[in-house]
Amino acid sequence: MWLKRFLADETGLILRSVIKWGIVAVVIGIIIVEVGPLIWIRIFSIQNVDDVASAAASEYSLNHDEEEARKSAAEKLRLMGYSEKEIEECVVEFLPAGNVPKQSVRVTVVRYANTLIAKHIKQIEKLARVSTTKEVSIGRTQ
């Protein structure tokens, strides 16, 4: 009862305004903490997938061995700090499929953003998954 009277006078209006803006600031902070890593991972994944695809294409053009190219891509991902789970989910495909000479390599890199909610709730972890794909010509690695 006294709180209602306190918030009704002049100092209460100021306190009510401070509380509202405090809640808004906390909500915006939580959104930034949760969405920021997803954006950050997406930006760096673009460069990482380009480097991994170029490494796989270079290795294949030297040895014409798909397994060695996949190992080279996995080693490149380890050096970039990817976890074993992320490396296992990455895909290296040589195109066209079949027993024909390969012309390009398509690499899909998977990275999990380290957000507070996804770290503690395993069911939400799939929402923190960021995958990026790049296709590079084997004859022309960038």
Protein backbone atom coordinates (compact mmCIF):
# COMPACT_ATOMS: atom_id res chain seq x y z
CA MET A 1 0.00 0.00 0.00
CA TRP A 2 2.76 2.44 0.91
CA LEU A 3 4.59 1.56 -2.34
CA LYS A 4 1.56 2.61 -4.39
CA ARG A 5 1.42 5.97 -2.56
CA PHE A 6 5.20 6.35 -2.92
CA LEU A 7 5.09 5.78 -6.68
CA ALA A 8 2.17 8.19 -7.11
CA ASP A 9 4.01 11.33 -5.97
CA GLU A 10 6.79 13.25 -7.76
CA THR A 11 9.72 11.11 -6.59
CA GLY A 12 7.71 8.03 -7.49
CA LEU A 13 7.40 9.22 -11.09
CA ILE A 14 11.18 9.55 -11.32
CA LEU A 15 11.71 6.14 -9.73
CA ARG A 16 9.14 4.55 -12.06
CA SER A 17 10.96 6.04 -15.07
CA VAL A 18 14.34 4.79 -13.80
CA ILE A 19 12.93 1.29 -13.29
CA LYS A 20 11.40 1.21 -16.79
CA TRP A 21 14.64 2.33 -18.46
CA GLY A 22 16.62 -0.12 -16.34
CA ILE A 23 14.45 -3.00 -17.50
CA VAL A 24 14.77 -1.87 -21.13
CA ALA A 25 18.57 -1.69 -20.77
CA VAL A 26 18.71 -5.21 -19.27
CA VAL A 27 16.54 -6.65 -22.08
CA ILE A 28 18.69 -4.96 -24.76
CA GLY A 29 21.84 -6.24 -23.03
CA ILE A 30 20.54 -9.81 -23.00
CA ILE A 31 19.62 -9.59 -26.69
CA ILE A 32 23.10 -8.31 -27.56
CA VAL A 33 24.79 -11.06 -25.51
CA GLU A 34 22.69 -13.76 -27.18
CA VAL A 35 22.60 -12.51 -30.79
CA GLY A 36 26.09 -10.98 -30.94
CA PRO A 37 27.99 -14.30 -31.03
CA LEU A 38 25.75 -15.59 -33.84
CA ILE A 39 26.56 -12.55 -35.98
CA TRP A 40 30.26 -12.70 -35.06
CA ILE A 41 30.50 -16.43 -35.93
CA ARG A 42 28.71 -15.84 -39.25
CA ILE A 43 31.19 -13.12 -40.25
CA PHE A 44 34.27 -15.20 -39.44
CA SER A 45 32.81 -18.40 -40.93
CA ILE A 46 32.78 -16.81 -44.37
CA GLN A 47 36.55 -16.32 -44.31
CA ASN A 48 37.19 -19.69 -42.66
CA VAL A 49 35.20 -21.68 -45.22
CA ASP A 50 37.02 -19.88 -48.03
CA ASP A 51 40.40 -20.82 -46.53
CA VAL A 52 39.39 -24.46 -45.94
CA ALA A 53 37.95 -24.84 -49.46
CA SER A 54 41.11 -23.39 -50.98
CA ALA A 55 43.28 -25.74 -48.88
CA ALA A 56 41.24 -28.79 -49.95
CA ALA A 57 41.34 -27.74 -53.62
CA SER A 58 45.10 -27.15 -53.48
CA GLU A 59 45.74 -30.53 -51.87
CA TYR A 60 43.54 -32.29 -54.42
CA SER A 61 45.21 -30.55 -57.36
CA LEU A 62 48.63 -31.68 -56.07
CA ASN A 63 47.86 -35.33 -55.19
CA HIS A 64 44.48 -36.13 -56.81
CA ASP A 65 43.52 -37.91 -53.59
CA GLU A 66 40.16 -37.02 -52.03
CA GLU A 67 41.00 -38.48 -48.61
CA GLU A 68 44.21 -36.45 -48.34
CA ALA A 69 42.29 -33.32 -49.30
CA ARG A 70 39.70 -34.06 -46.58
CA LYS A 71 42.49 -34.59 -44.03
CA SER A 72 44.06 -31.31 -45.09
CA ALA A 73 40.73 -29.53 -44.61
CA ALA A 74 40.26 -31.12 -41.17
CA GLU A 75 43.77 -30.08 -40.11
CA LYS A 76 43.10 -26.54 -41.29
CA LEU A 77 39.92 -26.48 -39.18
CA ARG A 78 41.84 -27.74 -36.12
CA LEU A 79 44.36 -24.94 -36.56
CA MET A 80 41.48 -22.44 -36.72
CA GLY A 81 40.20 -23.66 -33.33
CA TYR A 82 37.22 -25.77 -34.38
CA SER A 83 36.13 -28.54 -31.99
CA GLU A 84 36.14 -32.20 -33.00
CA LYS A 85 32.32 -32.17 -33.10
CA GLU A 86 32.36 -29.21 -35.51
CA ILE A 87 35.02 -30.87 -37.68
CA GLU A 88 32.99 -34.10 -37.87
CA GLU A 89 29.95 -32.15 -39.08
CA CYS A 90 31.88 -30.35 -41.82
CA VAL A 91 31.41 -31.71 -45.34
CA VAL A 92 33.96 -31.76 -48.18
CA GLU A 93 32.46 -32.78 -51.55
CA PHE A 94 34.25 -33.13 -54.86
CA LEU A 95 32.19 -32.31 -57.94
CA PRO A 96 31.03 -33.73 -60.27
CA ALA A 97 30.21 -36.95 -58.43
CA GLY A 98 31.24 -40.31 -59.81
CA ASN A 99 34.37 -41.58 -61.54
CA VAL A 100 34.95 -38.48 -63.64
CA PRO A 101 37.72 -35.90 -63.22
CA LYS A 102 36.88 -33.49 -60.40
CA GLN A 103 36.46 -29.85 -61.30
CA SER A 104 35.52 -28.22 -58.01
CA VAL A 105 35.31 -28.79 -54.29
CA ARG A 106 32.37 -27.70 -52.12
CA VAL A 107 33.04 -27.27 -48.40
CA THR A 108 30.42 -26.75 -45.72
CA VAL A 109 31.80 -25.56 -42.39
CA VAL A 110 29.73 -25.86 -39.20
CA ARG A 111 30.33 -23.72 -36.12
CA TYR A 112 28.37 -23.46 -32.88
CA ALA A 113 28.01 -20.00 -31.36
CA ASN A 114 28.87 -19.81 -27.70
CA THR A 115 25.76 -18.17 -26.25
CA LEU A 116 24.68 -18.28 -22.61
CA ILE A 117 21.33 -19.93 -23.27
CA ALA A 118 22.66 -22.53 -25.74
CA LYS A 119 25.48 -23.41 -23.35
CA HIS A 120 23.06 -24.37 -20.58
CA ILE A 121 20.10 -25.75 -22.55
CA LYS A 122 21.10 -28.56 -24.92
CA GLN A 123 17.78 -28.51 -26.81
CA ILE A 124 18.50 -24.95 -27.97
CA GLU A 125 22.01 -25.82 -29.19
CA LYS A 126 20.72 -26.42 -32.72
CA LEU A 127 19.68 -22.74 -32.87
CA ALA A 128 23.31 -21.75 -32.22
CA ARG A 129 24.51 -23.81 -35.23
CA VAL A 130 25.92 -21.72 -38.08
CA SER A 131 26.86 -23.41 -41.36
CA THR A 132 28.55 -21.77 -44.32
CA THR A 133 29.22 -23.29 -47.75
CA LYS A 134 31.79 -22.35 -50.39
CA GLU A 135 32.60 -23.94 -53.72
CA VAL A 136 36.06 -23.48 -55.25
CA SER A 137 37.31 -24.58 -58.64
CA ILE A 138 40.16 -27.09 -58.32
CA GLY A 139 42.18 -25.60 -61.17
CA ARG A 140 41.97 -22.08 -59.75
CA THR A 141 42.43 -21.85 -55.99
CA GLN A 142 42.18 -18.32 -54.71
